[in-house]
Every structure is written in C-alpha cells, then in structure tokens.
Amino acid sequence: MDAPGEVVKIMGLTEAELHRGLATLGRLEMDGAGGRLLAPQGEVGLTWRVLPSHRLGALRLPVLELRLDLAALTPAARAVFLRRFQTVFQRGGG
C-alpha cells in the first residue's frame, strides 16, 4: 500500500528520459535510484526502479516504477505539481 502523500507511477520510459523530464519540473538532486526534486511547489522525494521491459513482437518497451513522496506539499501544491508532472510526461497515442 502507498504511504500517505505517496504516488506510484508505472511509466514506459528509460531512466534517461525520466531524468530529462524531472529536470524540467525543478532542480533534481539524485542519489542512486532516488533523490529529491526541488520544484516551485516544494520538495518532492523520488525513488524509482527499472522493471522488466514489455515486449511487443520485436519491439521492447522500457518500464520503470516511480514513487513520488509528496508529503511535504500542501494539497493545493500537490494538485499543481501533479498536473504539471502529467503534462511533462504525457505521450501521444490513441
């Protein structure tokens, strides 16, 4: 079960893509497979792990689990941060 203030995302991207996206949201301070993001809304704790890739025929899709610790943010700041997060990591599709 997720801890209070924690959001878990399963994402189809590489660690490099994750780092690039997070860097657009604030100052990223990394420590191995985790760290913190100093966003305008406040500090967000981060941990992630690479999961086995998904396979579609000959195509392999990267997968990772990202945990966002939003406990330091007010409810209003959480909503703003999560909207921005969704926009940054939004992918096209049908």
PDB file of N, CA and C in Angstrom:
ATOM      1  N   MET A   1       0.845  -1.189   0.000  1.00  0.00           N
ATOM      2  CA  MET A   1       0.000   0.000   0.000  1.00  0.00           C
ATOM      3  C   MET A   1       0.886   1.246   0.000  1.00  0.00           C
ATOM      4  N   ASP A   2       0.446   2.256  -0.705  1.00  0.00           N
ATOM      5  CA  ASP A   2       1.181   3.511  -0.766  1.00  0.00           C
ATOM      6  C   ASP A   2       1.096   4.222   0.580  1.00  0.00           C
ATOM      7  N   ALA A   3       2.183   4.898   0.943  1.00  0.00           N
ATOM      8  CA  ALA A   3       2.198   5.712   2.161  1.00  0.00           C
ATOM      9  C   ALA A   3       1.396   6.983   1.912  1.00  0.00           C
ATOM     10  N   PRO A   4       0.896   7.628   2.976  1.00  0.00           N
ATOM     11  CA  PRO A   4       0.189   8.905   2.779  1.00  0.00           C
ATOM     12  C   PRO A   4       1.093   9.908   2.059  1.00  0.00           C
ATOM     13  N   GLY A   5       0.553  10.560   1.064  1.00  0.00           N
ATOM     14  CA  GLY A   5       1.348  11.529   0.305  1.00  0.00           C
ATOM     15  C   GLY A   5       2.221  10.914  -0.761  1.00  0.00           C
ATOM     16  N   GLU A   6       2.113   9.601  -0.953  1.00  0.00           N
ATOM     17  CA  GLU A   6       2.939   8.926  -1.958  1.00  0.00           C
ATOM     18  C   GLU A   6       2.099   8.591  -3.185  1.00  0.00           C
ATOM     19  N   VAL A   7       2.681   8.823  -4.352  1.00  0.00           N
ATOM     20  CA  VAL A   7       2.047   8.478  -5.618  1.00  0.00           C
ATOM     21  C   VAL A   7       2.991   7.531  -6.346  1.00  0.00           C
ATOM     22  N   VAL A   8       2.464   6.425  -6.848  1.00  0.00           N
ATOM     23  CA  VAL A   8       3.274   5.456  -7.581  1.00  0.00           C
ATOM     24  C   VAL A   8       2.832   5.479  -9.034  1.00  0.00           C
ATOM     25  N   LYS A   9       3.819   5.591  -9.933  1.00  0.00           N
ATOM     26  CA  LYS A   9       3.558   5.613 -11.376  1.00  0.00           C
ATOM     27  C   LYS A   9       4.364   4.487 -12.027  1.00  0.00           C
ATOM     28  N   ILE A  10       3.724   3.734 -12.897  1.00  0.00           N
ATOM     29  CA  ILE A  10       4.423   2.770 -13.745  1.00  0.00           C
ATOM     30  C   ILE A  10       4.516   3.450 -15.105  1.00  0.00           C
ATOM     31  N   MET A  11       5.737   3.669 -15.564  1.00  0.00           N
ATOM     32  CA  MET A  11       5.950   4.513 -16.735  1.00  0.00           C
ATOM     33  C   MET A  11       6.748   3.770 -17.800  1.00  0.00           C
ATOM     34  N   GLY A  12       6.398   4.007 -19.045  1.00  0.00           N
ATOM     35  CA  GLY A  12       7.088   3.398 -20.178  1.00  0.00           C
ATOM     36  C   GLY A  12       8.168   4.326 -20.701  1.00  0.00           C
ATOM     37  N   LEU A  13       9.268   4.408 -19.949  1.00  0.00           N
ATOM     38  CA  LEU A  13      10.383   5.248 -20.381  1.00  0.00           C
ATOM     39  C   LEU A  13      11.672   4.782 -19.730  1.00  0.00           C
ATOM     40  N   THR A  14      12.780   5.284 -20.238  1.00  0.00           N
ATOM     41  CA  THR A  14      14.090   4.931 -19.705  1.00  0.00           C
ATOM     42  C   THR A  14      14.440   5.862 -18.543  1.00  0.00           C
ATOM     43  N   GLU A  15      15.467   5.508 -17.796  1.00  0.00           N
ATOM     44  CA  GLU A  15      15.926   6.384 -16.715  1.00  0.00           C
ATOM     45  C   GLU A  15      16.384   7.733 -17.266  1.00  0.00           C
ATOM     46  N   ALA A  16      17.046   7.729 -18.413  1.00  0.00           N
ATOM     47  CA  ALA A  16      17.498   8.992 -19.013  1.00  0.00           C
ATOM     48  C   ALA A  16      16.308   9.887 -19.348  1.00  0.00           C
ATOM     49  N   GLU A  17      15.241   9.307 -19.898  1.00  0.00           N
ATOM     50  CA  GLU A  17      14.037  10.087 -20.208  1.00  0.00           C
ATOM     51  C   GLU A  17      13.386  10.605 -18.928  1.00  0.00           C
ATOM     52  N   LEU A  18      13.384   9.789 -17.883  1.00  0.00           N
ATOM     53  CA  LEU A  18      12.850  10.215 -16.595  1.00  0.00           C
ATOM     54  C   LEU A  18      13.626  11.422 -16.076  1.00  0.00           C
ATOM     55  N   HIS A  19      14.942  11.333 -16.089  1.00  0.00           N
ATOM     56  CA  HIS A  19      15.780  12.430 -15.574  1.00  0.00           C
ATOM     57  C   HIS A  19      15.547  13.719 -16.359  1.00  0.00           C
ATOM     58  N   ARG A  20      15.457  13.606 -17.682  1.00  0.00           N
ATOM     59  CA  ARG A  20      15.215  14.808 -18.502  1.00  0.00           C
ATOM     60  C   ARG A  20      13.874  15.443 -18.160  1.00  0.00           C
ATOM     61  N   GLY A  21      12.837  14.630 -18.019  1.00  0.00           N
ATOM     62  CA  GLY A  21      11.521  15.155 -17.685  1.00  0.00           C
ATOM     63  C   GLY A  21      11.489  15.788 -16.308  1.00  0.00           C
ATOM     64  N   LEU A  22      12.082  15.107 -15.325  1.00  0.00           N
ATOM     65  CA  LEU A  22      12.094  15.652 -13.967  1.00  0.00           C
ATOM     66  C   LEU A  22      12.846  16.974 -13.904  1.00  0.00           C
ATOM     67  N   ALA A  23      13.919  17.089 -14.674  1.00  0.00           N
ATOM     68  CA  ALA A  23      14.711  18.321 -14.674  1.00  0.00           C
ATOM     69  C   ALA A  23      13.909  19.518 -15.173  1.00  0.00           C
ATOM     70  N   THR A  24      12.860  19.291 -15.950  1.00  0.00           N
ATOM     71  CA  THR A  24      12.019  20.404 -16.402  1.00  0.00           C
ATOM     72  C   THR A  24      11.050  20.852 -15.311  1.00  0.00           C
ATOM     73  N   LEU A  25      10.893  20.023 -14.272  1.00  0.00           N
ATOM     74  CA  LEU A  25       9.962  20.337 -13.187  1.00  0.00           C
ATOM     75  C   LEU A  25      10.624  21.051 -12.012  1.00  0.00           C
ATOM     76  N   GLY A  26      11.945  21.032 -11.957  1.00  0.00           N
ATOM     77  CA  GLY A  26      12.660  21.654 -10.852  1.00  0.00           C
ATOM     78  C   GLY A  26      14.102  21.194 -10.834  1.00  0.00           C
ATOM     79  N   ARG A  27      14.783  21.503  -9.745  1.00  0.00           N
ATOM     80  CA  ARG A  27      16.190  21.088  -9.610  1.00  0.00           C
ATOM     81  C   ARG A  27      16.236  19.665  -9.067  1.00  0.00           C
ATOM     82  N   LEU A  28      16.842  18.787  -9.830  1.00  0.00           N
ATOM     83  CA  LEU A  28      16.913  17.368  -9.498  1.00  0.00           C
ATOM     84  C   LEU A  28      18.216  17.089  -8.760  1.00  0.00           C
ATOM     85  N   GLU A  29      18.111  16.520  -7.567  1.00  0.00           N
ATOM     86  CA  GLU A  29      19.277  16.087  -6.793  1.00  0.00           C
ATOM     87  C   GLU A  29      19.172  14.588  -6.652  1.00  0.00           C
ATOM     88  N   MET A  30      20.071  13.863  -7.321  1.00  0.00           N
ATOM     89  CA  MET A  30      19.973  12.415  -7.380  1.00  0.00           C
ATOM     90  C   MET A  30      20.954  11.748  -6.437  1.00  0.00           C
ATOM     91  N   ASP A  31      20.553  10.576  -5.971  1.00  0.00           N
ATOM     92  CA  ASP A  31      21.383   9.729  -5.123  1.00  0.00           C
ATOM     93  C   ASP A  31      21.066   8.291  -5.499  1.00  0.00           C
ATOM     94  N   GLY A  32      21.750   7.772  -6.513  1.00  0.00           N
ATOM     95  CA  GLY A  32      21.460   6.417  -6.990  1.00  0.00           C
ATOM     96  C   GLY A  32      20.113   6.374  -7.679  1.00  0.00           C
ATOM     97  N   ALA A  33      19.261   5.453  -7.252  1.00  0.00           N
ATOM     98  CA  ALA A  33      17.928   5.311  -7.847  1.00  0.00           C
ATOM     99  C   ALA A  33      16.909   6.082  -7.006  1.00  0.00           C
ATOM    100  N   GLY A  34      17.250   7.302  -6.708  1.00  0.00           N
ATOM    101  CA  GLY A  34      16.356   8.140  -5.930  1.00  0.00           C
ATOM    102  C   GLY A  34      16.920   9.535  -5.796  1.00  0.00           C
ATOM    103  N   GLY A  35      16.308  10.281  -4.937  1.00  0.00           N
ATOM    104  CA  GLY A  35      16.765  11.633  -4.702  1.00  0.00           C
ATOM    105  C   GLY A  35      15.597  12.521  -4.353  1.00  0.00           C
ATOM    106  N   ARG A  36      15.733  13.770  -4.744  1.00  0.00           N
ATOM    107  CA  ARG A  36      14.650  14.713  -4.493  1.00  0.00           C
ATOM    108  C   ARG A  36      14.604  15.733  -5.618  1.00  0.00           C
ATOM    109  N   LEU A  37      13.420  16.271  -5.766  1.00  0.00           N
ATOM    110  CA  LEU A  37      13.174  17.286  -6.769  1.00  0.00           C
ATOM    111  C   LEU A  37      12.758  18.545  -6.028  1.00  0.00           C
ATOM    112  N   LEU A  38      13.497  19.618  -6.244  1.00  0.00           N
ATOM    113  CA  LEU A  38      13.164  20.901  -5.636  1.00  0.00           C
ATOM    114  C   LEU A  38      12.359  21.676  -6.661  1.00  0.00           C
ATOM    115  N   ALA A  39      11.040  21.521  -6.576  1.00  0.00           N
ATOM    116  CA  ALA A  39      10.101  22.124  -7.519  1.00  0.00           C
ATOM    117  C   ALA A  39       9.597  23.446  -6.947  1.00  0.00           C
ATOM    118  N   PRO A  40       9.016  24.312  -7.783  1.00  0.00           N
ATOM    119  CA  PRO A  40       8.442  25.561  -7.270  1.00  0.00           C
ATOM    120  C   PRO A  40       7.383  25.319  -6.189  1.00  0.00           C
ATOM    121  N   GLN A  41       6.717  24.175  -6.225  1.00  0.00           N
ATOM    122  CA  GLN A  41       5.662  23.861  -5.257  1.00  0.00           C
ATOM    123  C   GLN A  41       6.226  23.345  -3.933  1.00  0.00           C
ATOM    124  N   GLY A  42       7.500  22.933  -3.926  1.00  0.00           N
ATOM    125  CA  GLY A  42       8.135  22.381  -2.730  1.00  0.00           C
ATOM    126  C   GLY A  42       8.973  21.167  -3.075  1.00  0.00           C
ATOM    127  N   GLU A  43       9.446  20.491  -2.035  1.00  0.00           N
ATOM    128  CA  GLU A  43      10.328  19.337  -2.221  1.00  0.00           C
ATOM    129  C   GLU A  43       9.526  18.055  -2.425  1.00  0.00           C
ATOM    130  N   VAL A  44       9.933  17.286  -3.437  1.00  0.00           N
ATOM    131  CA  VAL A  44       9.299  16.007  -3.758  1.00  0.00           C
ATOM    132  C   VAL A  44      10.373  14.926  -3.671  1.00  0.00           C
ATOM    133  N   GLY A  45      10.156  13.924  -2.821  1.00  0.00           N
ATOM    134  CA  GLY A  45      11.072  12.792  -2.735  1.00  0.00           C
ATOM    135  C   GLY A  45      10.835  11.843  -3.901  1.00  0.00           C
ATOM    136  N   LEU A  46      11.905  11.221  -4.373  1.00  0.00           N
ATOM    137  CA  LEU A  46      11.826  10.342  -5.550  1.00  0.00           C
ATOM    138  C   LEU A  46      12.556   9.035  -5.300  1.00  0.00           C
ATOM    139  N   THR A  47      11.951   7.943  -5.690  1.00  0.00           N
ATOM    140  CA  THR A  47      12.653   6.663  -5.817  1.00  0.00           C
ATOM    141  C   THR A  47      12.103   5.972  -7.053  1.00  0.00           C
ATOM    142  N   TRP A  48      12.947   5.242  -7.736  1.00  0.00           N
ATOM    143  CA  TRP A  48      12.492   4.508  -8.913  1.00  0.00           C
ATOM    144  C   TRP A  48      13.277   3.223  -9.051  1.00  0.00           C
ATOM    145  N   ARG A  49      12.671   2.311  -9.787  1.00  0.00           N
ATOM    146  CA  ARG A  49      13.357   1.055 -10.108  1.00  0.00           C
ATOM    147  C   ARG A  49      12.954   0.645 -11.509  1.00  0.00           C
ATOM    148  N   VAL A  50      13.910   0.108 -12.203  1.00  0.00           N
ATOM    149  CA  VAL A  50      13.671  -0.374 -13.557  1.00  0.00           C
ATOM    150  C   VAL A  50      12.990  -1.735 -13.455  1.00  0.00           C
ATOM    151  N   LEU A  51      11.907  -1.900 -14.192  1.00  0.00           N
ATOM    152  CA  LEU A  51      11.169  -3.153 -14.238  1.00  0.00           C
ATOM    153  C   LEU A  51      11.491  -3.872 -15.544  1.00  0.00           C
ATOM    154  N   PRO A  52      11.154  -5.150 -15.626  1.00  0.00           N
ATOM    155  CA  PRO A  52      11.386  -5.855 -16.898  1.00  0.00           C
ATOM    156  C   PRO A  52      10.643  -5.157 -18.037  1.00  0.00           C
ATOM    157  N   SER A  53      11.292  -5.087 -19.179  1.00  0.00           N
ATOM    158  CA  SER A  53      10.683  -4.412 -20.324  1.00  0.00           C
ATOM    159  C   SER A  53       9.495  -5.221 -20.849  1.00  0.00           C
ATOM    160  N   HIS A  54       8.587  -4.516 -21.485  1.00  0.00           N
ATOM    161  CA  HIS A  54       7.451  -5.159 -22.156  1.00  0.00           C
ATOM    162  C   HIS A  54       7.882  -5.459 -23.584  1.00  0.00           C
ATOM    163  N   ARG A  55       7.359  -6.510 -24.124  1.00  0.00           N
ATOM    164  CA  ARG A  55       7.721  -6.889 -25.481  1.00  0.00           C
ATOM    165  C   ARG A  55       6.471  -6.937 -26.348  1.00  0.00           C
ATOM    166  N   LEU A  56       6.554  -6.246 -27.479  1.00  0.00           N
ATOM    167  CA  LEU A  56       5.503  -6.267 -28.493  1.00  0.00           C
ATOM    168  C   LEU A  56       6.153  -6.717 -29.794  1.00  0.00           C
ATOM    169  N   GLY A  57       6.056  -7.994 -30.078  1.00  0.00           N
ATOM    170  CA  GLY A  57       6.752  -8.532 -31.245  1.00  0.00           C
ATOM    171  C   GLY A  57       8.249  -8.354 -31.054  1.00  0.00           C
ATOM    172  N   ALA A  58       8.896  -7.717 -32.007  1.00  0.00           N
ATOM    173  CA  ALA A  58      10.333  -7.480 -31.925  1.00  0.00           C
ATOM    174  C   ALA A  58      10.665  -6.222 -31.120  1.00  0.00           C
ATOM    175  N   LEU A  59       9.660  -5.467 -30.760  1.00  0.00           N
ATOM    176  CA  LEU A  59       9.858  -4.199 -30.051  1.00  0.00           C
ATOM    177  C   LEU A  59       9.878  -4.431 -28.543  1.00  0.00           C
ATOM    178  N   ARG A  60      10.878  -3.847 -27.868  1.00  0.00           N
ATOM    179  CA  ARG A  60      10.957  -3.896 -26.407  1.00  0.00           C
ATOM    180  C   ARG A  60      10.726  -2.488 -25.870  1.00  0.00           C
ATOM    181  N   LEU A  61       9.800  -2.381 -24.918  1.00  0.00           N
ATOM    182  CA  LEU A  61       9.465  -1.089 -24.335  1.00  0.00           C
ATOM    183  C   LEU A  61       9.988  -1.026 -22.901  1.00  0.00           C
ATOM    184  N   PRO A  62      10.748   0.025 -22.564  1.00  0.00           N
ATOM    185  CA  PRO A  62      11.266   0.142 -21.194  1.00  0.00           C
ATOM    186  C   PRO A  62      10.126   0.434 -20.217  1.00  0.00           C
ATOM    187  N   VAL A  63      10.292  -0.037 -18.989  1.00  0.00           N
ATOM    188  CA  VAL A  63       9.290   0.192 -17.952  1.00  0.00           C
ATOM    189  C   VAL A  63      10.025   0.494 -16.650  1.00  0.00           C
ATOM    190  N   LEU A  64       9.538   1.490 -15.933  1.00  0.00           N
ATOM    191  CA  LEU A  64      10.058   1.721 -14.594  1.00  0.00           C
ATOM    192  C   LEU A  64       8.945   2.146 -13.664  1.00  0.00           C
ATOM    193  N   GLU A  65       9.184   1.911 -12.379  1.00  0.00           N
ATOM    194  CA  GLU A  65       8.254   2.314 -11.337  1.00  0.00           C
ATOM    195  C   GLU A  65       8.838   3.535 -10.654  1.00  0.00           C
ATOM    196  N   LEU A  66       8.054   4.590 -10.572  1.00  0.00           N
ATOM    197  CA  LEU A  66       8.473   5.831  -9.925  1.00  0.00           C
ATOM    198  C   LEU A  66       7.570   6.081  -8.729  1.00  0.00           C
ATOM    199  N   ARG A  67       8.186   6.354  -7.590  1.00  0.00           N
ATOM    200  CA  ARG A  67       7.443   6.729  -6.381  1.00  0.00           C
ATOM    201  C   ARG A  67       7.751   8.179  -6.064  1.00  0.00           C
ATOM    202  N   LEU A  68       6.686   8.958  -5.975  1.00  0.00           N
ATOM    203  CA  LEU A  68       6.784  10.377  -5.648  1.00  0.00           C
ATOM    204  C   LEU A  68       6.305  10.567  -4.217  1.00  0.00           C
ATOM    205  N   ASP A  69       7.146  11.113  -3.354  1.00  0.00           N
ATOM    206  CA  ASP A  69       6.761  11.411  -1.980  1.00  0.00           C
ATOM    207  C   ASP A  69       6.367  12.883  -1.931  1.00  0.00           C
ATOM    208  N   LEU A  70       5.066  13.124  -1.849  1.00  0.00           N
ATOM    209  CA  LEU A  70       4.518  14.476  -1.882  1.00  0.00           C
ATOM    210  C   LEU A  70       4.112  14.973  -0.500  1.00  0.00           C
ATOM    211  N   ALA A  71       4.558  14.288   0.561  1.00  0.00           N
ATOM    212  CA  ALA A  71       4.129  14.612   1.918  1.00  0.00           C
ATOM    213  C   ALA A  71       4.480  16.040   2.326  1.00  0.00           C
ATOM    214  N   ALA A  72       5.544  16.607   1.764  1.00  0.00           N
ATOM    215  CA  ALA A  72       5.970  17.964   2.136  1.00  0.00           C
ATOM    216  C   ALA A  72       5.129  19.049   1.461  1.00  0.00           C
ATOM    217  N   LEU A  73       4.262  18.670   0.525  1.00  0.00           N
ATOM    218  CA  LEU A  73       3.460  19.647  -0.209  1.00  0.00           C
ATOM    219  C   LEU A  73       2.063  19.773   0.388  1.00  0.00           C
ATOM    220  N   THR A  74       1.524  20.963   0.314  1.00  0.00           N
ATOM    221  CA  THR A  74       0.132  21.168   0.707  1.00  0.00           C
ATOM    222  C   THR A  74      -0.761  20.491  -0.335  1.00  0.00           C
ATOM    223  N   PRO A  75      -2.021  20.221  -0.003  1.00  0.00           N
ATOM    224  CA  PRO A  75      -2.908  19.628  -1.009  1.00  0.00           C
ATOM    225  C   PRO A  75      -2.993  20.452  -2.297  1.00  0.00           C
ATOM    226  N   ALA A  76      -3.034  21.764  -2.196  1.00  0.00           N
ATOM    227  CA  ALA A  76      -3.094  22.611  -3.397  1.00  0.00           C
ATOM    228  C   ALA A  76      -1.801  22.492  -4.202  1.00  0.00           C
ATOM    229  N   ALA A  77      -0.657  22.483  -3.520  1.00  0.00           N
ATOM    230  CA  ALA A  77       0.637  22.361  -4.209  1.00  0.00           C
ATOM    231  C   ALA A  77       0.763  20.988  -4.867  1.00  0.00           C
ATOM    232  N   ARG A  78       0.237  19.946  -4.210  1.00  0.00           N
ATOM    233  CA  ARG A  78       0.255  18.598  -4.809  1.00  0.00           C
ATOM    234  C   ARG A  78      -0.513  18.590  -6.118  1.00  0.00           C
ATOM    235  N   ALA A  79      -1.689  19.194  -6.112  1.00  0.00           N
ATOM    236  CA  ALA A  79      -2.514  19.215  -7.325  1.00  0.00           C
ATOM    237  C   ALA A  79      -1.792  19.935  -8.453  1.00  0.00           C
ATOM    238  N   VAL A  80      -1.170  21.067  -8.156  1.00  0.00           N
ATOM    239  CA  VAL A  80      -0.428  21.823  -9.177  1.00  0.00           C
ATOM    240  C   VAL A  80       0.740  20.992  -9.690  1.00  0.00           C
ATOM    241  N   PHE A  81       1.508  20.388  -8.777  1.00  0.00           N
ATOM    242  CA  PHE A  81       2.661  19.595  -9.177  1.00  0.00           C
ATOM    243  C   PHE A  81       2.230  18.422 -10.054  1.00  0.00           C
ATOM    244  N   LEU A  82       1.199  17.684  -9.636  1.00  0.00           N
ATOM    245  CA  LEU A  82       0.775  16.508 -10.397  1.00  0.00           C
ATOM    246  C   LEU A  82       0.233  16.876 -11.769  1.00  0.00           C
ATOM    247  N   ARG A  83      -0.452  18.008 -11.890  1.00  0.00           N
ATOM    248  CA  ARG A  83      -0.906  18.457 -13.223  1.00  0.00           C
ATOM    249  C   ARG A  83       0.302  18.728 -14.113  1.00  0.00           C
ATOM    250  N   ARG A  84       1.284  19.409 -13.568  1.00  0.00           N
ATOM    251  CA  ARG A  84       2.494  19.724 -14.349  1.00  0.00           C
ATOM    252  C   ARG A  84       3.251  18.446 -14.702  1.00  0.00           C
ATOM    253  N   PHE A  85       3.352  17.521 -13.747  1.00  0.00           N
ATOM    254  CA  PHE A  85       4.012  16.240 -13.971  1.00  0.00           C
ATOM    255  C   PHE A  85       3.340  15.498 -15.130  1.00  0.00           C
ATOM    256  N   GLN A  86       2.012  15.428 -15.096  1.00  0.00           N
ATOM    257  CA  GLN A  86       1.267  14.741 -16.158  1.00  0.00           C
ATOM    258  C   GLN A  86       1.517  15.387 -17.506  1.00  0.00           C
ATOM    259  N   THR A  87       1.585  16.698 -17.559  1.00  0.00           N
ATOM    260  CA  THR A  87       1.827  17.387 -18.813  1.00  0.00           C
ATOM    261  C   THR A  87       3.223  17.082 -19.352  1.00  0.00           C
ATOM    262  N   VAL A  88       4.217  17.117 -18.471  1.00  0.00           N
ATOM    263  CA  VAL A  88       5.608  16.860 -18.899  1.00  0.00           C
ATOM    264  C   VAL A  88       5.765  15.447 -19.448  1.00  0.00           C
ATOM    265  N   PHE A  89       5.120  14.475 -18.813  1.00  0.00           N
ATOM    266  CA  PHE A  89       5.318  13.073 -19.199  1.00  0.00           C
ATOM    267  C   PHE A  89       4.211  12.538 -20.104  1.00  0.00           C
ATOM    268  N   GLN A  90       3.321  13.395 -20.553  1.00  0.00           N
ATOM    269  CA  GLN A  90       2.246  12.983 -21.454  1.00  0.00           C
ATOM    270  C   GLN A  90       2.834  12.512 -22.780  1.00  0.00           C
ATOM    271  N   ARG A  91       2.285  11.442 -23.275  1.00  0.00           N
ATOM    272  CA  ARG A  91       2.714  10.915 -24.576  1.00  0.00           C
ATOM    273  C   ARG A  91       1.512  10.886 -25.498  1.00  0.00           C
ATOM    274  N   GLY A  92       1.761  11.022 -26.772  1.00  0.00           N
ATOM    275  CA  GLY A  92       0.666  10.929 -27.754  1.00  0.00           C
ATOM    276  C   GLY A  92       0.184   9.488 -27.842  1.00  0.00           C
ATOM    277  N   GLY A  93      -0.931   9.302 -28.418  1.00  0.00           N
ATOM    278  CA  GLY A  93      -1.464   7.949 -28.563  1.00  0.00           C
ATOM    279  C   GLY A  93      -2.929   8.007 -28.952  1.00  0.00           C
ATOM    280  N   GLY A  94      -3.492   6.874 -29.046  1.00  0.00           N
ATOM    281  CA  GLY A  94      -4.891   6.825 -29.464  1.00  0.00           C
ATOM    282  C   GLY A  94      -5.694   5.890 -28.645  1.00  0.00           C
TER     283      GLY A  94
END
